[in-house]
Amino acid sequence: MKAFLNYLFVFLVTISLSSCELAGGIFKGGVWTGVILVIGVIALVIWALSRMFGGGSKS
């Protein structure tokens, strides 16, 4: 239950960020910075979901 609350907290903080500020920062930094950032965020979300739902079963 504690892990679920931690993930819920991270999720709520993530969606509370202003998307307009994020987009403006990405465009100021350049296209490649934005591409790397988006790939990193997608990888982080996939990793977090796999950890939450039992990715990497232990035999």
Protein backbone atom coordinates (compact mmCIF):
# COMPACT_ATOMS: atom_id res chain seq x y z
CA MET A 1 0.00 0.00 0.00
CA LYS A 2 2.87 2.34 0.80
CA ALA A 3 4.37 1.85 -2.66
CA PHE A 4 1.00 2.60 -4.24
CA LEU A 5 0.78 5.87 -2.32
CA ASN A 6 4.28 6.81 -3.42
CA TYR A 7 3.41 6.21 -7.07
CA LEU A 8 0.16 8.10 -6.65
CA PHE A 9 2.02 11.07 -5.19
CA VAL A 10 4.51 11.10 -8.08
CA PHE A 11 1.66 10.87 -10.58
CA LEU A 12 -0.23 13.77 -8.99
CA VAL A 13 2.88 15.96 -8.90
CA THR A 14 3.58 15.15 -12.54
CA ILE A 15 0.12 16.08 -13.80
CA SER A 16 0.06 19.25 -11.72
CA LEU A 17 2.98 20.76 -13.66
CA SER A 18 2.01 23.36 -16.22
CA SER A 19 2.26 21.82 -19.66
CA CYS A 20 2.59 25.23 -21.32
CA GLU A 21 5.70 26.00 -19.26
CA LEU A 22 7.15 22.63 -20.16
CA ALA A 23 6.50 23.09 -23.88
CA GLY A 24 8.02 26.57 -23.81
CA GLY A 25 11.14 25.28 -22.09
CA ILE A 26 11.51 22.45 -24.58
CA PHE A 27 11.32 24.79 -27.57
CA LYS A 28 13.82 27.17 -26.02
CA GLY A 29 16.24 24.30 -25.47
CA GLY A 30 15.97 23.01 -29.01
CA VAL A 31 14.33 20.16 -30.83
CA TRP A 32 16.87 17.50 -29.88
CA THR A 33 16.65 18.39 -26.21
CA GLY A 34 12.88 17.98 -26.49
CA VAL A 35 13.19 14.64 -28.26
CA ILE A 36 15.59 13.30 -25.63
CA LEU A 37 13.36 14.59 -22.83
CA VAL A 38 10.23 12.98 -24.30
CA ILE A 39 11.99 9.64 -24.81
CA GLY A 40 13.27 9.80 -21.24
CA VAL A 41 9.83 10.52 -19.82
CA ILE A 42 8.23 7.72 -21.83
CA ALA A 43 10.93 5.29 -20.65
CA LEU A 44 10.42 6.41 -17.05
CA VAL A 45 6.65 5.89 -17.28
CA ILE A 46 7.08 2.43 -18.80
CA TRP A 47 9.59 1.51 -16.09
CA ALA A 48 7.30 2.77 -13.30
CA LEU A 49 4.30 0.90 -14.70
CA SER A 50 6.28 -2.31 -15.04
CA ARG A 51 7.47 -1.99 -11.43
CA MET A 52 3.94 -1.30 -10.21
CA PHE A 53 2.33 -4.20 -12.01
CA GLY A 54 4.99 -6.82 -11.35
CA GLY A 55 7.42 -6.60 -14.23
CA GLY A 56 10.42 -8.89 -13.79
CA SER A 57 8.88 -11.83 -11.98
CA LYS A 58 11.06 -13.58 -9.42
CA SER A 59 11.39 -17.35 -9.84
